[in-house]
Amino acid sequence: MRLRIPIGLPAGLLLCVSLSARAEILEITGRIESKVEERSGGAVVQSDFAGFDFPTPDNQATPAAVTQLTREDNAGNPISGAQGLTIFGLPTINGIPITNDFGMDLAGFTRTHDSEWTLSGFASERRRIVFNPIDVGSFPGQTVHATSTLYVAGALALAAFDANQDLTGAEARMKFQIIQKRQNSDVQTVLLDGGLTLRGGPNATVGIETTGAMNGLLHAPTTLGGVVADLPVLHLVVFNPLIADQYAYEYDAVTGEPFELELQFTSELILPPNGVAGSAIFGIPPVNLTEVFARVQNSDTGAQVEDVINSLVDTTGSQVQPNGGTVTPVGLFGSGGLCGALGLEAAAMLGLAAAFGALCSGRRRRRAARR
């Protein structure tokens, strides 16, 4: 999915809504979350969480849910690390759409023998919309049929320093949903959903599992062991909105009757002990893996991996030109597809640049004493 942030930031989901004057946005609300945990023996050793809601009472402008944890040895030297970023950007509604609605960047590296990292990012955007009869060429109360497209730009990665590394338990995954809710109704209709999990196995192998609209044949893992120095294991799945990752969906609405469309995007990493690294990046340029390796290993390995990702896909989805979608009156007085209106959504994750939101639940960090 493609999200966009006015100032580029690394991450990866995009809801690109290109609305013409034929559809009126009444309200936009959203939420972003980022969470990092270190686990040992099934127990949480330390955790960091940040969450923001939009809008904020004080109209705060750049909300970014940022999390970061580091594991140190007995001498206080960093030996493992993980960090996450989720960003929310407010699309313009003045005829010039900003295609990226949120961005996400998760990254981590484990060098310990007794603990693993789990990272997650969540973003949702809800739009309250109405089609006015005069704008879509229909009668008041008439049903219209709308079509639109979601674009996804980003990548999932798993890597290791041992050519025979057991990657069992390692996972990098993403999932999206678009949901419609009609006025005065508690019923929610899932218009589109899809997901992909890159799952590790024995002897440095990986496989994928897909759900919904995601086509596994178009997302086979790319194995690039040895491309990055000292990194014999590197598996990538890329999401390219110019090739495979354009997801069409459709729905009905009643003219003059407000309704809601909500985009939800989730990404997660599970990185087991003993030298496993991973990244999940959507909607913005990748940076977190560079920072993790620089902090805990004083190396540019993360930067090299992110250079490989950038050579395979533009994780910002900046080259996508979203189509306008259509809105067609149907029913007794329906006519042909005369109106282009709601070209809604493109996914590419947020960038840490132009975001809107407010810290709602705030940020909390806790650390349990190790025994």
Foldseek 3Di string as FASTA:
>chain_A
DFAEFPDFAWFAWWKWKQFDPQKDWPDKKKKKKKKKFKDFPNDTFKMKIFMWIPDDPVFDWFDKIKDKDFDADPVRATAWIWMKIKFAFDFDDPRDTRTGGMGIKIKIKFADDTIKMKIKMKMKMKTKMARACVSQVHDAFFKKKWKAKAATWWKKKKFFLDQFDAQAFWKKKKKKWKWKFFPPDPDIDTFFIKMKMWGTGGRLDTDMDMDTPDDCVQFGWDWDAPLQPSIRTMIMTTGARVPPGMGMTMDMDGHPTIMMMMMMMMIMTIGDHRGMIIMIIFQGQHDRQQVRCCRNPVDRRSVSVSVVVVVVTDLNNVPDDQDQIFMWGDDPPTDPGDGRGINIYYIGHYGSHTHHTGGDVGMDMDGHDDD
